[in-house]
């Protein structure tokens, strides 16, 4: 530090703080949010902190300074975690008997959004028709007469409350032999499941919509909210996510079929809820995806909060990220083989 000039000393102090926050963020997946809910908010900043530390590494390397080691060592620690920000090598395989599963938060087909587009249902229907998934999970689903997927003979729709038009849905080309709802208490969010019969195999598909964070897609909107209130609100949401993840795990414990768990987790892969629900399952993006795997529109930050987790016995042959802005989320799809 003594050999650094004044400006670099300031940069190194900022670098040290960013490295400390990143290391702390890595550890949060092991700390239940109910212990201190506001602390868990840091998991949302992990993508930004990783990119920031990469920039610090580049900054010091350009100057041939050993200070690059600080951020480099923290990034190496993160590299050996299960969760990854970026996948360099995807894969695309073909196998007879494979099937495709898609998940998409459709934001009520934009009907309650300021930028209302009455053609969104048809555009989503067209995308689905082109990509031809066998099973689709929808979050923030609503009944829209212009949205018709005639090729899907089986479906399970669960709306919240008797008068509500907001909820979850699973469409399937395979026969649904069992279905149900987990009914998250004191929440507009929920989880549903179906058991589908594919040939002679029964597969359990969960569609999760974890507690909503109510985040606007622009960082500027967050700056306008009082920081104390923001941290408290998000912290309480993470606490609810922990409670909801415990309900999901308890329900899954009684399942004897191979599982596909997908949906909008409203949190990153570095969160406590994600790590608990993942358990020994495989993340389809990490198995076959490439790039950042961005699923949520949040300015320039590549946030991945929509996931597809599969049973260890299910092989992930391919993974697809879509860039069409038909909602505030992007759809994802995986090709699977049992």
Protein backbone atom coordinates (compact mmCIF):
# COMPACT_ATOMS: atom_id res chain seq x y z
CA UNK A 1 0.00 0.00 0.00
CA UNK A 2 2.89 2.38 0.73
CA UNK A 3 4.12 2.11 -2.86
CA UNK A 4 0.78 3.31 -4.22
CA UNK A 5 0.19 6.93 -5.11
CA UNK A 6 -2.70 8.80 -3.49
CA UNK A 7 -5.34 8.00 -6.15
CA UNK A 8 -4.50 4.29 -6.15
CA UNK A 9 -4.71 4.22 -2.36
CA UNK A 10 -8.29 5.48 -2.59
CA UNK A 11 -9.06 2.94 -5.31
CA UNK A 12 -7.62 0.14 -3.19
CA UNK A 13 -9.77 1.12 -0.20
CA UNK A 14 -12.87 1.02 -2.41
CA UNK A 15 -11.63 -2.27 -3.87
CA UNK A 16 -11.26 -3.71 -0.38
CA UNK A 17 -14.81 -2.74 0.52
CA UNK A 18 -16.19 -4.30 -2.68
CA UNK A 19 -14.20 -7.49 -2.06
CA UNK A 20 -15.51 -7.67 1.52
CA UNK A 21 -19.11 -7.25 0.36
CA UNK A 22 -18.64 -9.95 -2.29
CA UNK A 23 -17.20 -12.42 0.22
CA UNK A 24 -20.04 -11.63 2.62
CA UNK A 25 -22.56 -12.17 -0.16
CA UNK A 26 -21.13 -15.61 -0.89
CA UNK A 27 -21.73 -16.60 2.74
CA UNK A 28 -25.34 -15.41 2.89
CA UNK A 29 -26.68 -18.54 1.19
CA UNK A 30 -25.84 -20.38 4.42
CA UNK A 31 -27.53 -17.83 6.72
CA UNK A 32 -31.33 -18.05 7.18
CA UNK A 33 -32.90 -14.64 6.36
CA UNK A 34 -35.06 -14.76 9.49
CA UNK A 35 -31.91 -14.24 11.62
CA UNK A 36 -31.49 -10.70 10.24
CA UNK A 37 -33.70 -10.13 7.16
CA UNK A 38 -32.11 -6.86 5.84
CA UNK A 39 -28.71 -8.56 5.49
CA UNK A 40 -30.05 -10.96 2.87
CA UNK A 41 -30.66 -8.02 0.50
CA UNK A 42 -26.96 -8.22 -0.37
CA UNK A 43 -27.62 -11.35 -2.45
CA UNK A 44 -29.35 -9.17 -5.06
CA UNK A 45 -26.16 -7.15 -5.48
CA UNK A 46 -23.95 -10.20 -6.14
CA UNK A 47 -23.93 -9.86 -9.97
CA UNK A 48 -22.93 -6.20 -9.68
CA UNK A 49 -20.27 -6.99 -7.04
CA UNK A 50 -18.77 -9.77 -9.17
CA UNK A 51 -18.53 -7.46 -12.18
CA UNK A 52 -17.06 -4.70 -10.00
CA UNK A 53 -14.35 -6.99 -8.65
CA UNK A 54 -13.52 -8.13 -12.17
CA UNK A 55 -13.01 -4.49 -13.12
CA UNK A 56 -10.70 -4.00 -10.13
CA UNK A 57 -8.65 -7.03 -11.21
CA UNK A 58 -8.31 -5.53 -14.69
CA UNK A 59 -7.43 -2.12 -13.25
CA UNK A 60 -4.52 -3.48 -11.20
CA UNK A 61 -3.28 -5.85 -13.90
CA UNK A 62 -3.01 -3.02 -16.40
CA UNK A 63 -0.65 -1.33 -13.95
CA UNK A 64 1.19 -4.58 -13.08
CA UNK A 65 0.22 -4.17 -9.42
CA UNK A 66 -0.03 -7.11 -7.03
CA UNK A 67 -3.19 -5.56 -5.53
CA UNK A 68 -5.12 -7.49 -8.19
CA UNK A 69 -4.79 -10.53 -5.93
CA UNK A 70 -7.38 -9.23 -3.45
CA UNK A 71 -10.33 -9.36 -5.82
CA UNK A 72 -8.86 -12.28 -7.79
CA UNK A 73 -8.79 -14.52 -4.70
CA UNK A 74 -12.38 -13.63 -3.78
CA UNK A 75 -13.53 -14.34 -7.34
CA UNK A 76 -11.73 -17.71 -7.29
CA UNK A 77 -13.62 -18.61 -4.11
CA UNK A 78 -16.86 -17.80 -5.90
CA UNK A 79 -15.85 -19.84 -8.94
CA UNK A 80 -15.83 -23.01 -6.85
CA UNK A 81 -19.33 -22.39 -5.55
CA UNK A 82 -22.28 -24.15 -7.13
CA UNK A 83 -23.85 -20.88 -8.27
CA UNK A 84 -22.24 -19.17 -11.25
CA UNK A 85 -22.84 -15.78 -12.84
CA UNK A 86 -21.61 -16.72 -16.32
CA UNK A 87 -21.41 -19.99 -18.23
CA UNK A 88 -18.76 -20.16 -20.95
CA UNK A 89 -19.68 -23.44 -22.59
CA UNK A 90 -23.22 -24.48 -23.35
CA UNK A 91 -24.20 -27.79 -24.89
CA UNK A 92 -26.79 -29.03 -27.33
CA UNK A 93 -27.47 -32.76 -27.52
CA UNK A 94 -30.15 -34.89 -29.14
CA UNK A 95 -31.60 -38.04 -27.61
CA UNK A 96 -34.65 -40.04 -28.47
CA UNK A 97 -37.38 -39.59 -25.89
CA UNK A 98 -36.29 -36.10 -24.81
CA UNK A 99 -38.86 -33.51 -23.76
CA UNK A 100 -38.86 -29.72 -23.39
CA UNK A 101 -39.98 -27.69 -20.38
CA UNK A 102 -40.47 -23.92 -20.44
CA UNK A 103 -41.10 -21.44 -17.61
CA UNK A 104 -42.25 -17.86 -18.08
CA UNK A 105 -43.51 -15.09 -15.81
CA UNK A 106 -45.95 -13.40 -18.19
CA UNK A 107 -46.83 -10.42 -15.91
CA UNK A 108 -50.55 -10.93 -16.52
CA UNK A 109 -49.83 -10.55 -20.25
CA UNK A 110 -49.03 -6.85 -19.57
CA UNK A 111 -52.73 -6.06 -19.11
CA UNK A 112 -52.10 -4.18 -15.86
CA UNK A 113 -48.89 -2.54 -17.02
CA UNK A 114 -48.41 1.08 -18.04
CA UNK A 115 -47.00 0.00 -21.41
CA UNK A 116 -50.05 -2.08 -22.21
CA UNK A 117 -49.76 -4.05 -25.44
CA UNK A 118 -52.97 -5.79 -26.37
CA UNK A 119 -51.06 -8.09 -28.74
CA UNK A 120 -48.79 -9.59 -26.04
CA UNK A 121 -50.95 -12.73 -25.56
CA UNK A 122 -50.75 -13.50 -29.28
CA UNK A 123 -47.01 -12.82 -29.35
CA UNK A 124 -46.42 -15.20 -26.44
CA UNK A 125 -48.64 -17.79 -28.10
CA UNK A 126 -46.59 -17.45 -31.29
CA UNK A 127 -43.31 -17.92 -29.41
CA UNK A 128 -44.64 -21.04 -27.70
CA UNK A 129 -45.92 -22.42 -31.00
CA UNK A 130 -42.48 -21.93 -32.59
CA UNK A 131 -40.48 -23.40 -29.71
CA UNK A 132 -42.98 -26.21 -29.04
CA UNK A 133 -42.30 -27.07 -25.36
CA UNK A 134 -44.05 -30.14 -23.98
CA UNK A 135 -44.71 -28.59 -20.56
CA UNK A 136 -45.01 -24.88 -19.70
CA UNK A 137 -45.11 -23.20 -16.29
CA UNK A 138 -46.63 -19.73 -16.15
CA UNK A 139 -46.30 -17.27 -13.26
CA UNK A 140 -48.47 -14.15 -12.88
CA UNK A 141 -50.93 -15.91 -15.13
CA UNK A 142 -54.38 -14.54 -15.84
CA UNK A 143 -57.30 -15.75 -17.93
CA UNK A 144 -57.21 -14.04 -21.32
CA UNK A 145 -59.61 -15.01 -24.07
CA UNK A 146 -57.06 -14.16 -26.80
CA UNK A 147 -54.53 -16.63 -25.37
CA UNK A 148 -55.31 -20.12 -26.63
CA UNK A 149 -52.90 -23.04 -26.71
CA UNK A 150 -55.07 -25.63 -28.38
CA UNK A 151 -52.26 -28.19 -28.73
CA UNK A 152 -52.01 -28.52 -24.94
CA UNK A 153 -54.76 -30.91 -23.97
CA UNK A 154 -54.00 -30.83 -20.27
CA UNK A 155 -53.59 -27.90 -17.91
CA UNK A 156 -53.85 -26.94 -14.27
CA UNK A 157 -54.66 -23.33 -13.38
CA UNK A 158 -54.67 -22.06 -9.80
CA UNK A 159 -55.75 -18.46 -9.23
CA UNK A 160 -55.46 -16.76 -5.85
CA UNK A 161 -58.83 -16.35 -4.09
CA UNK A 162 -62.33 -16.72 -5.40
CA UNK A 163 -62.44 -13.39 -7.24
CA UNK A 164 -58.79 -13.18 -8.30
CA UNK A 165 -57.50 -13.32 -11.86
CA UNK A 166 -53.86 -13.70 -10.80
CA UNK A 167 -52.03 -16.95 -10.22
CA UNK A 168 -50.14 -19.90 -11.68
CA UNK A 169 -50.69 -22.35 -14.51
CA UNK A 170 -49.07 -25.46 -15.96
CA UNK A 171 -49.87 -26.53 -19.54
CA UNK A 172 -48.88 -30.01 -20.65
CA UNK A 173 -49.02 -32.22 -23.71
CA UNK A 174 -48.70 -35.18 -21.37
CA UNK A 175 -51.60 -36.43 -19.33
CA UNK A 176 -51.85 -34.89 -15.86
CA UNK A 177 -52.61 -37.67 -13.39
CA UNK A 178 -52.34 -35.62 -10.20
CA UNK A 179 -52.26 -31.93 -9.30
CA UNK A 180 -52.28 -29.65 -6.30
CA UNK A 181 -51.46 -26.32 -4.69
CA UNK A 182 -49.19 -25.57 -1.75
CA UNK A 183 -51.17 -22.44 -0.79
CA UNK A 184 -48.49 -20.18 0.70
CA UNK A 185 -50.01 -18.52 3.80
CA UNK A 186 -50.49 -14.73 3.96
CA UNK A 187 -49.18 -14.20 0.44
CA UNK A 188 -50.37 -13.55 -3.09
CA UNK A 189 -47.57 -15.85 -4.23
CA UNK A 190 -47.89 -19.61 -4.40
CA UNK A 191 -46.56 -22.92 -5.72
CA UNK A 192 -48.42 -25.61 -7.63
CA UNK A 193 -47.48 -29.04 -8.94
CA UNK A 194 -48.63 -31.65 -11.43
CA UNK A 195 -47.69 -35.27 -11.99
CA UNK A 196 -47.55 -36.01 -15.71
CA UNK A 197 -47.41 -39.37 -17.42
CA UNK A 198 -44.75 -39.54 -20.12
CA UNK A 199 -44.78 -42.95 -21.75
CA UNK A 200 -44.46 -45.23 -18.71
CA UNK A 201 -42.77 -42.65 -16.48
CA UNK A 202 -44.43 -40.28 -14.04
CA UNK A 203 -42.71 -36.91 -13.59
CA UNK A 204 -43.51 -34.30 -10.92
CA UNK A 205 -43.37 -30.68 -12.14
CA UNK A 206 -43.40 -27.84 -9.62
CA UNK A 207 -44.21 -24.28 -10.64
CA UNK A 208 -42.97 -21.80 -8.00
CA UNK A 209 -43.62 -18.10 -7.63
CA UNK A 210 -41.71 -17.13 -4.51
CA UNK A 211 -42.49 -14.01 -2.48
CA UNK A 212 -42.44 -10.94 -4.70
CA UNK A 213 -39.84 -8.22 -4.11
CA UNK A 214 -41.82 -5.54 -6.01
CA UNK A 215 -38.70 -4.29 -7.78
CA UNK A 216 -39.00 -1.81 -10.62
CA UNK A 217 -36.74 -2.54 -13.61
CA UNK A 218 -34.81 0.73 -13.24
CA UNK A 219 -32.17 1.39 -10.58
CA UNK A 220 -33.28 5.03 -10.49
CA UNK A 221 -36.63 3.99 -9.02
CA UNK A 222 -34.87 2.24 -6.14
CA UNK A 223 -32.89 5.39 -5.36
CA UNK A 224 -36.13 7.28 -4.88
CA UNK A 225 -37.24 4.92 -2.11
CA UNK A 226 -36.04 5.50 1.44
CA UNK A 227 -33.07 3.13 1.95
CA UNK A 228 -34.16 2.01 5.42
CA UNK A 229 -37.68 1.20 4.20
CA UNK A 230 -36.29 -0.51 1.09
CA UNK A 231 -33.95 -2.79 3.07
CA UNK A 232 -36.67 -3.60 5.57
CA UNK A 233 -39.23 -4.38 2.84
CA UNK A 234 -36.84 -6.60 0.87
CA UNK A 235 -35.59 -8.27 4.05
CA UNK A 236 -39.13 -9.21 5.05
CA UNK A 237 -39.71 -10.62 1.56
CA UNK A 238 -36.59 -12.80 1.89
CA UNK A 239 -37.82 -13.98 5.28
CA UNK A 240 -41.09 -15.04 3.67
CA UNK A 241 -39.13 -16.77 0.90
CA UNK A 242 -37.37 -18.84 3.54
CA UNK A 243 -40.71 -19.89 5.03
CA UNK A 244 -42.05 -20.71 1.56
CA UNK A 245 -38.94 -22.72 0.64
CA UNK A 246 -39.43 -24.79 3.78
CA UNK A 247 -43.00 -25.57 2.69
CA UNK A 248 -41.75 -26.57 -0.78
CA UNK A 249 -39.07 -28.86 0.69
CA UNK A 250 -41.53 -30.50 3.07
CA UNK A 251 -43.88 -31.19 0.15
CA UNK A 252 -41.09 -32.53 -2.07
CA UNK A 253 -39.95 -34.89 0.68
CA UNK A 254 -43.08 -36.98 0.06
CA UNK A 255 -42.57 -37.19 -3.71
CA UNK A 256 -41.39 -40.51 -5.10
CA UNK A 257 -41.11 -39.33 -8.72
CA UNK A 258 -38.25 -37.56 -10.53
CA UNK A 259 -38.83 -33.81 -10.26
CA UNK A 260 -38.56 -30.68 -12.36
CA UNK A 261 -38.75 -27.57 -10.18
CA UNK A 262 -39.09 -24.34 -12.12
CA UNK A 263 -40.47 -20.85 -11.83
CA UNK A 264 -39.81 -17.32 -10.64
CA UNK A 265 -37.78 -17.51 -7.42
CA UNK A 266 -37.61 -13.71 -7.06
CA UNK A 267 -34.01 -14.08 -5.88
CA UNK A 268 -30.61 -15.00 -7.24
CA UNK A 269 -28.68 -18.26 -7.25
CA UNK A 270 -26.70 -16.91 -4.28
CA UNK A 271 -29.75 -16.74 -2.03
CA UNK A 272 -30.65 -18.97 0.90
CA UNK A 273 -34.02 -19.94 -0.62
CA UNK A 274 -32.48 -21.01 -3.93
CA UNK A 275 -29.77 -23.10 -2.26
CA UNK A 276 -32.30 -24.86 -0.04
CA UNK A 277 -34.72 -25.66 -2.86
CA UNK A 278 -31.89 -26.73 -5.15
CA UNK A 279 -30.45 -29.26 -2.69
CA UNK A 280 -28.89 -32.01 -4.81
CA UNK A 281 -30.80 -31.02 -7.95
CA UNK A 282 -29.09 -29.80 -11.10
CA UNK A 283 -29.52 -26.25 -12.37
CA UNK A 284 -30.40 -26.57 -16.07
CA UNK A 285 -28.64 -23.31 -16.94
CA UNK A 286 -25.39 -24.44 -15.31
CA UNK A 287 -25.67 -27.81 -17.05
CA UNK A 288 -26.25 -26.61 -20.61
CA UNK A 289 -26.65 -22.83 -20.75
CA UNK A 290 -24.21 -20.14 -21.83
CA UNK A 291 -23.67 -16.46 -21.13
CA UNK A 292 -25.22 -14.64 -18.19
CA UNK A 293 -28.55 -16.45 -18.40
CA UNK A 294 -30.38 -13.18 -17.73
CA UNK A 295 -34.08 -13.67 -16.96
CA UNK A 296 -35.18 -10.36 -15.46
CA UNK A 297 -35.09 -6.91 -17.04
CA UNK A 298 -33.22 -4.71 -14.54
CA UNK A 299 -31.33 -1.99 -16.38
CA UNK A 300 -27.86 -3.21 -17.36
CA UNK A 301 -27.42 -5.75 -14.54
CA UNK A 302 -27.73 -9.40 -15.76
CA UNK A 303 -29.99 -10.82 -13.06
CA UNK A 304 -31.06 -14.47 -13.15
CA UNK A 305 -34.05 -15.08 -10.88
CA UNK A 306 -36.03 -17.62 -12.95
CA UNK A 307 -34.75 -21.17 -12.63
CA UNK A 308 -35.19 -24.74 -13.73
CA UNK A 309 -33.89 -27.37 -11.30
CA UNK A 310 -34.05 -31.04 -12.19
CA UNK A 311 -33.65 -34.36 -10.45
CA UNK A 312 -30.11 -35.81 -10.54
CA UNK A 313 -31.41 -38.65 -12.73
CA UNK A 314 -32.70 -36.24 -15.39
CA UNK A 315 -30.15 -35.28 -18.05
CA UNK A 316 -30.10 -31.71 -19.36
CA UNK A 317 -29.47 -31.84 -23.11
CA UNK A 318 -29.92 -28.18 -23.98
CA UNK A 319 -30.92 -24.86 -22.42
CA UNK A 320 -32.48 -21.84 -24.08
CA UNK A 321 -32.55 -18.18 -23.03
CA UNK A 322 -34.90 -15.91 -24.96
CA UNK A 323 -34.51 -12.18 -25.53
CA UNK A 324 -38.05 -11.19 -26.50
CA UNK A 325 -39.33 -8.46 -24.16
CA UNK A 326 -42.90 -9.68 -23.74
CA UNK A 327 -42.87 -9.17 -19.97
CA UNK A 328 -40.44 -7.92 -17.33
CA UNK A 329 -39.06 -11.49 -17.37
CA UNK A 330 -37.54 -13.52 -20.18
CA UNK A 331 -38.75 -17.09 -20.76
CA UNK A 332 -36.32 -19.99 -20.38
CA UNK A 333 -36.57 -23.56 -21.65
CA UNK A 334 -34.59 -26.78 -21.25
CA UNK A 335 -34.49 -29.99 -23.23
CA UNK A 336 -34.46 -32.91 -20.80
CA UNK A 337 -34.10 -36.67 -20.91
CA UNK A 338 -35.11 -39.20 -18.30
